[in-house]
Amino acid sequence: MTIEGHPVNLVPLPGLEAYGRDEAHGGDGAGADAGQAGPPGGKADGARDGGWRSRLAGALEFARRQLDGESEVDQFGFDPEFNSRVLMPIARMLYQHWFGVRMRGLAHVPEAGPALVVANHSGTLPVDAVMLQAGLHDEHPTHRNLRLLGADLVYEIPLLAPLARKGGHTRACPANAHVLLRSGELVGVFPEGFKGIGKPFSDRYQLQRFGRGGFAATAIRAGVPIIPCAIVGAEEIYPLLGNARPIAELLGLPYFPITPLFPWLGPVGAVPLPSKWIIEFCPPVPTADYPPGSEDNSAAIADLSGRVRGTIQRKLDGLLSERGPAFG
């Protein structure tokens, strides 16, 4: 079996047979229980003595499994071991040392079982998504893996697509979200989409339209709680001053950012500014009490979507006042 042209060892996701398959792959594969990757920075049993030979042997064995396609992934391509040993350490450097992220409200995120995390989106590039993942992976009591739903564009970029899949990102569509939630996963979504990360700096921390409330219908259909999440700090990492539309159209992008440093300074201008971050989870919004068929009730969807959006906006306003200046 292959995903993105690479051999993989698929293991089944609970509930997959009953709830469908990944539309992005046309139903290829059986899927897997992503499980929990374990505490960050954890060592293999043979490495607990701190011996460099054991650590080297573990690293070589990990590399061999990756190259031979023996790593276990689910139908969406998520590789918990690769995520914990390769992707999260890179994200952790930004999280801890560059942005100094403060994550709060983790008690509102269940230790196990399905839930839908709904967050604001900003920052020109989706760094906020990776920081949200890193914080839950490292700081949550059970080190939960957040399965993020991403835009189609992510899976059309050759190098980014396989890394995103290995890191637990999945093409956003109702079928994929439903399979993940019914399999007990913690799923993350950014309803603002490109409207959020591509908005001008003058509109920072003002939530854009939450689409048509698809996330609300998804939560009601699966009967899972929605956890509103407010992220402060991402707006300042790449202050968007303008959009070079001709270049964006040429490259097939939703926008081509012009910031104080990019594209003027080339690659240096792509370094994010070290703003101060706060990520806070709000109390869950239950959906289990909605009557059958509510996922098709436009009034119910609009009401639930509006309540979640209002919760996030109020929390953003409060966090901004608390944080003060973005730098220094």
Protein backbone atom coordinates (compact mmCIF):
# COMPACT_ATOMS: atom_id res chain seq x y z
CA MET A 1 0.00 0.00 0.00
CA THR A 2 1.28 3.49 -0.78
CA ILE A 3 0.40 7.06 0.18
CA GLU A 4 1.89 9.95 -1.78
CA GLY A 5 3.95 7.35 -3.67
CA HIS A 6 5.65 5.94 -0.57
CA PRO A 7 5.14 2.44 0.89
CA VAL A 8 3.29 2.38 4.20
CA ASN A 9 2.06 -0.16 6.73
CA LEU A 10 -1.63 0.59 7.32
CA VAL A 11 -3.40 -0.33 10.53
CA PRO A 12 -7.17 0.11 11.00
CA LEU A 13 -8.95 3.11 12.48
CA PRO A 14 -11.77 2.11 14.85
CA GLY A 15 -15.09 2.72 13.17
CA LEU A 16 -13.60 3.15 9.70
CA GLU A 17 -15.59 0.38 8.06
CA ALA A 18 -18.84 1.88 9.33
CA TYR A 19 -18.20 5.51 8.55
CA GLY A 20 -16.46 5.76 5.19
CA ARG A 21 -13.06 6.43 3.74
CA ASP A 22 -10.74 9.30 2.90
CA GLU A 23 -12.15 11.05 -0.15
CA ALA A 24 -8.74 12.54 -0.84
CA HIS A 25 -7.44 9.05 -1.66
CA GLY A 26 -10.59 7.68 -3.22
CA GLY A 27 -11.05 5.21 -0.38
CA ASP A 28 -7.56 3.70 -0.71
CA GLY A 29 -6.40 1.89 2.41
CA ALA A 30 -7.95 0.73 5.61
CA GLY A 31 -7.01 3.51 8.03
CA ALA A 32 -5.47 3.43 11.49
CA ASP A 33 -5.94 4.39 15.07
CA ALA A 34 -3.54 7.31 15.34
CA GLY A 35 -3.42 6.76 19.07
CA GLN A 36 -1.40 8.95 21.36
CA ALA A 37 2.25 9.41 20.62
CA GLY A 38 3.31 9.41 24.25
CA PRO A 39 5.14 12.10 26.20
CA PRO A 40 7.32 14.38 24.09
CA GLY A 41 11.01 13.70 24.18
CA GLY A 42 10.40 10.22 25.57
CA LYS A 43 13.22 7.72 25.07
CA ALA A 44 13.13 4.12 23.97
CA ASP A 45 13.73 1.57 26.70
CA GLY A 46 17.22 0.90 25.46
CA ALA A 47 18.11 4.59 25.65
CA ARG A 48 17.10 5.22 29.26
CA ASP A 49 20.64 4.62 30.44
CA GLY A 50 21.70 7.66 28.39
CA GLY A 51 24.22 5.60 26.40
CA TRP A 52 25.02 7.15 23.07
CA ARG A 53 25.20 3.73 21.41
CA SER A 54 21.61 2.99 22.40
CA ARG A 55 20.42 6.39 21.19
CA LEU A 56 22.26 5.99 17.90
CA ALA A 57 20.87 2.50 17.42
CA GLY A 58 17.36 3.79 18.07
CA ALA A 59 17.79 6.62 15.57
CA LEU A 60 19.13 4.27 12.90
CA GLU A 61 16.29 1.81 13.46
CA PHE A 62 13.77 4.65 13.17
CA ALA A 63 15.37 5.81 9.90
CA ARG A 64 15.36 2.26 8.55
CA ARG A 65 11.64 1.84 9.26
CA GLN A 66 10.87 5.13 7.56
CA LEU A 67 12.89 4.25 4.46
CA ASP A 68 11.48 0.72 4.25
CA GLY A 69 7.91 1.85 4.65
CA GLU A 70 7.50 -0.11 7.89
CA SER A 71 6.21 2.84 9.92
CA GLU A 72 2.55 2.50 10.85
CA VAL A 73 0.24 5.15 9.45
CA ASP A 74 -3.51 5.49 9.18
CA GLN A 75 -5.53 5.91 6.01
CA PHE A 76 -4.81 9.66 6.02
CA GLY A 77 -1.05 9.13 6.21
CA PHE A 78 -0.58 10.13 9.87
CA ASP A 79 2.66 8.72 11.33
CA PRO A 80 2.65 9.28 15.13
CA GLU A 81 6.29 8.28 15.55
CA PHE A 82 7.54 10.56 12.77
CA ASN A 83 5.40 13.36 14.14
CA SER A 84 6.77 13.03 17.68
CA ARG A 85 10.41 12.41 16.75
CA VAL A 86 10.85 14.75 13.77
CA LEU A 87 8.09 17.35 13.33
CA MET A 88 7.24 18.22 16.93
CA PRO A 89 10.87 18.88 18.01
CA ILE A 90 11.14 21.45 15.21
CA ALA A 91 7.83 23.06 16.19
CA ARG A 92 8.87 22.96 19.84
CA MET A 93 11.82 25.27 19.20
CA LEU A 94 9.46 27.95 17.88
CA TYR A 95 6.87 27.27 20.55
CA GLN A 96 9.22 27.48 23.53
CA HIS A 97 12.13 29.66 22.47
CA TRP A 98 10.93 31.99 19.70
CA PHE A 99 7.34 32.78 20.63
CA GLY A 100 7.32 31.64 24.26
CA VAL A 101 3.74 30.44 23.88
CA ARG A 102 1.52 30.31 26.97
CA MET A 103 -1.20 27.69 26.64
CA ARG A 104 -4.16 27.79 29.01
CA GLY A 105 -7.48 26.07 29.54
CA LEU A 106 -6.15 22.58 28.85
CA ALA A 107 -8.65 21.22 31.38
CA HIS A 108 -11.33 21.92 28.77
CA VAL A 109 -9.70 19.47 26.33
CA PRO A 110 -10.74 15.88 27.15
CA GLU A 111 -8.03 13.42 28.08
CA ALA A 112 -9.45 10.92 25.60
CA GLY A 113 -12.29 10.65 23.12
CA PRO A 114 -13.52 12.86 20.30
CA ALA A 115 -13.92 16.62 20.31
CA LEU A 116 -13.75 19.39 17.73
CA VAL A 117 -11.37 22.27 18.46
CA VAL A 118 -12.45 25.43 16.62
CA ALA A 119 -9.91 28.27 16.52
CA ASN A 120 -9.31 31.65 14.91
CA HIS A 121 -6.81 31.69 12.04
CA SER A 122 -4.26 34.38 11.24
CA GLY A 123 -0.66 35.19 10.46
CA THR A 124 -0.23 35.09 6.66
CA LEU A 125 1.24 31.57 6.96
CA PRO A 126 -0.52 28.91 9.09
CA VAL A 127 2.07 28.85 11.87
CA ASP A 128 -0.76 29.08 14.40
CA ALA A 129 -1.94 25.60 13.38
CA VAL A 130 1.47 24.10 14.11
CA MET A 131 1.77 25.91 17.45
CA LEU A 132 -1.66 24.62 18.47
CA GLN A 133 -0.57 21.10 17.62
CA ALA A 134 2.74 21.45 19.46
CA GLY A 135 1.14 22.80 22.62
CA LEU A 136 -1.39 19.97 22.86
CA HIS A 137 1.25 17.36 22.05
CA ASP A 138 3.63 18.65 24.72
CA GLU A 139 1.48 20.17 27.46
CA HIS A 140 -1.78 18.23 27.52
CA PRO A 141 -1.88 15.60 30.33
CA THR A 142 -2.28 12.80 27.78
CA HIS A 143 -0.18 14.50 25.07
CA ARG A 144 -2.97 14.44 22.51
CA ASN A 145 -2.38 14.52 18.79
CA LEU A 146 -4.52 17.18 17.13
CA ARG A 147 -5.77 16.05 13.72
CA LEU A 148 -6.02 19.28 11.75
CA LEU A 149 -8.31 19.71 8.74
CA GLY A 150 -6.50 21.63 6.00
CA ALA A 151 -7.32 23.36 2.73
CA ASP A 152 -6.95 21.54 -0.59
CA LEU A 153 -3.97 23.75 -1.48
CA VAL A 154 -1.86 22.07 1.21
CA TYR A 155 -2.19 18.72 -0.55
CA GLU A 156 -1.29 20.11 -3.96
CA ILE A 157 2.23 21.18 -2.93
CA PRO A 158 4.67 18.28 -3.56
CA LEU A 159 6.96 18.61 -0.53
CA LEU A 160 4.41 19.97 1.91
CA ALA A 161 1.67 17.41 1.28
CA PRO A 162 3.47 14.28 2.59
CA LEU A 163 4.83 16.15 5.62
CA ALA A 164 1.38 17.49 6.44
CA ARG A 165 -0.12 14.01 6.23
CA LYS A 166 2.62 12.50 8.39
CA GLY A 167 1.96 15.25 10.93
CA GLY A 168 -1.73 14.39 11.21
CA HIS A 169 -3.18 16.98 8.83
CA THR A 170 -6.08 15.83 6.68
CA ARG A 171 -7.89 17.31 3.72
CA ALA A 172 -10.92 19.20 5.04
CA CYS A 173 -14.19 17.57 4.05
CA PRO A 174 -17.19 16.35 6.09
CA ALA A 175 -16.48 12.66 5.42
CA ASN A 176 -12.89 12.85 6.69
CA ALA A 177 -13.89 14.84 9.76
CA HIS A 178 -16.66 12.37 10.56
CA VAL A 179 -14.37 9.33 10.33
CA LEU A 180 -11.79 10.94 12.62
CA LEU A 181 -14.34 12.02 15.21
CA ARG A 182 -16.17 8.69 15.26
CA SER A 183 -12.76 7.07 15.74
CA GLY A 184 -12.18 9.03 18.94
CA GLU A 185 -9.74 11.61 17.59
CA LEU A 186 -9.25 15.22 18.65
CA VAL A 187 -9.90 17.21 15.47
CA GLY A 188 -8.98 20.85 14.80
CA VAL A 189 -10.53 23.26 12.32
CA PHE A 190 -10.12 26.94 11.36
CA PRO A 191 -13.47 28.09 9.91
CA GLU A 192 -12.07 31.41 8.65
CA GLY A 193 -9.76 29.58 6.24
CA PHE A 194 -7.73 31.78 3.90
CA LYS A 195 -9.91 34.76 4.82
CA GLY A 196 -8.36 34.60 8.27
CA ILE A 197 -4.68 34.17 7.51
CA GLY A 198 -4.86 36.46 4.47
CA LYS A 199 -6.60 39.45 6.05
CA PRO A 200 -4.73 42.78 6.25
CA PHE A 201 -2.91 43.77 9.44
CA SER A 202 -5.40 46.58 9.97
CA ASP A 203 -8.10 43.93 10.58
CA ARG A 204 -6.04 41.92 13.07
CA TYR A 205 -7.95 39.93 15.67
CA GLN A 206 -11.27 40.71 14.03
CA LEU A 207 -12.81 37.36 13.14
CA GLN A 208 -13.82 36.88 9.54
CA ARG A 209 -16.92 34.99 8.45
CA PHE A 210 -17.03 31.39 9.70
CA GLY A 211 -18.01 29.99 6.34
CA ARG A 212 -21.44 28.36 6.29
CA GLY A 213 -21.08 26.68 9.67
CA GLY A 214 -19.86 23.37 8.33
CA PHE A 215 -17.95 22.69 11.55
CA ALA A 216 -21.19 23.03 13.54
CA ALA A 217 -22.98 20.51 11.32
CA THR A 218 -20.01 18.15 11.64
CA ALA A 219 -20.03 18.35 15.45
CA ILE A 220 -23.80 17.81 15.67
CA ARG A 221 -23.67 14.87 13.26
CA ALA A 222 -20.96 13.17 15.33
CA GLY A 223 -22.46 14.24 18.66
CA VAL A 224 -19.15 15.64 19.93
CA PRO A 225 -18.40 18.82 21.92
CA ILE A 226 -16.96 21.92 20.28
CA ILE A 227 -14.02 23.50 22.11
CA PRO A 228 -13.61 27.18 21.14
CA CYS A 229 -9.97 28.24 21.08
CA ALA A 230 -8.50 31.77 20.92
CA ILE A 231 -4.98 32.34 19.60
CA VAL A 232 -3.23 35.67 20.20
CA GLY A 233 0.20 36.33 18.75
CA ALA A 234 0.01 35.00 15.21
CA GLU A 235 -1.27 38.26 13.69
CA GLU A 236 2.07 39.98 14.31
CA ILE A 237 4.51 37.38 12.96
CA TYR A 238 4.02 38.50 9.33
CA PRO A 239 2.10 41.81 9.33
CA LEU A 240 0.21 41.70 6.02
CA LEU A 241 0.39 45.15 4.44
CA GLY A 242 -0.67 44.22 0.93
CA ASN A 243 -1.46 41.49 -1.57
CA ALA A 244 0.34 41.24 -4.91
CA ARG A 245 -2.66 39.82 -6.77
CA PRO A 246 -0.97 39.36 -10.20
CA ILE A 247 1.77 37.23 -8.61
CA ALA A 248 -0.81 35.30 -6.58
CA GLU A 249 -2.84 34.53 -9.71
CA LEU A 250 0.31 33.49 -11.58
CA LEU A 251 1.27 31.06 -8.80
CA GLY A 252 -2.28 29.86 -8.20
CA LEU A 253 -2.30 31.14 -4.61
CA PRO A 254 -5.14 32.82 -2.72
CA TYR A 255 -2.84 35.78 -2.04
CA PHE A 256 0.82 36.77 -2.28
CA PRO A 257 1.79 38.58 0.93
CA ILE A 258 3.61 41.88 1.16
CA THR A 259 4.94 42.47 4.67
CA PRO A 260 7.44 44.98 6.11
CA LEU A 261 10.22 42.44 5.42
CA PHE A 262 8.94 40.22 2.59
CA PRO A 263 9.70 40.02 -0.30
CA TRP A 264 12.16 42.88 0.14
CA LEU A 265 14.68 40.89 2.22
CA GLY A 266 14.25 37.61 0.39
CA PRO A 267 14.47 34.47 2.60
CA VAL A 268 15.33 36.59 5.64
CA GLY A 269 11.98 38.30 5.27
CA ALA A 270 10.28 34.92 5.74
CA VAL A 271 11.54 34.63 9.32
CA PRO A 272 8.53 35.19 11.61
CA LEU A 273 8.72 38.07 14.07
CA PRO A 274 9.02 36.91 17.72
CA SER A 275 5.65 38.08 19.02
CA LYS A 276 4.21 37.08 22.40
CA TRP A 277 1.59 34.34 22.18
CA ILE A 278 -1.30 33.15 24.33
CA ILE A 279 -3.46 30.18 23.34
CA GLU A 280 -6.53 29.55 25.47
CA PHE A 281 -9.22 26.88 25.27
CA CYS A 282 -12.72 27.88 26.35
CA PRO A 283 -15.34 25.64 28.00
CA PRO A 284 -16.76 23.03 25.61
CA VAL A 285 -20.04 23.66 23.82
CA PRO A 286 -22.04 20.39 23.92
CA THR A 287 -23.94 19.12 20.88
CA ALA A 288 -25.23 15.77 22.11
CA ASP A 289 -28.65 17.20 23.00
CA TYR A 290 -29.48 18.38 19.48
CA PRO A 291 -32.37 16.33 18.04
CA PRO A 292 -31.77 14.08 15.01
CA GLY A 293 -31.59 15.99 11.76
CA SER A 294 -30.32 19.20 13.36
CA GLU A 295 -27.21 19.02 11.18
CA ASP A 296 -29.48 19.89 8.26
CA ASN A 297 -31.31 22.67 10.11
CA SER A 298 -29.85 25.95 8.83
CA ALA A 299 -31.18 27.94 11.79
CA ALA A 300 -29.64 25.57 14.34
CA ILE A 301 -26.33 25.56 12.48
CA ALA A 302 -26.25 29.36 12.25
CA ASP A 303 -27.04 29.71 15.95
CA LEU A 304 -24.35 27.26 17.06
CA SER A 305 -21.76 28.72 14.70
CA GLY A 306 -22.56 32.23 15.89
CA ARG A 307 -22.26 31.26 19.54
CA VAL A 308 -18.86 29.67 19.00
CA ARG A 309 -17.64 32.62 16.93
CA GLY A 310 -18.82 35.07 19.60
CA THR A 311 -17.05 33.11 22.34
CA ILE A 312 -13.77 33.20 20.44
CA GLN A 313 -14.04 36.91 19.63
CA ARG A 314 -14.72 37.83 23.27
CA LYS A 315 -11.79 35.72 24.42
CA LEU A 316 -9.52 37.33 21.81
CA ASP A 317 -10.48 40.80 23.04
CA GLY A 318 -9.72 39.81 26.62
CA LEU A 319 -6.41 38.16 25.81
CA LEU A 320 -5.25 41.16 23.77
CA SER A 321 -5.92 43.48 26.69
CA GLU A 322 -4.11 41.11 29.06
CA ARG A 323 -1.08 40.57 26.82
CA GLY A 324 -0.40 44.21 26.05
CA PRO A 325 2.36 44.97 23.48
CA ALA A 326 3.11 42.19 21.04
CA PHE A 327 6.86 42.56 21.42
CA GLY A 328 9.23 43.19 24.29
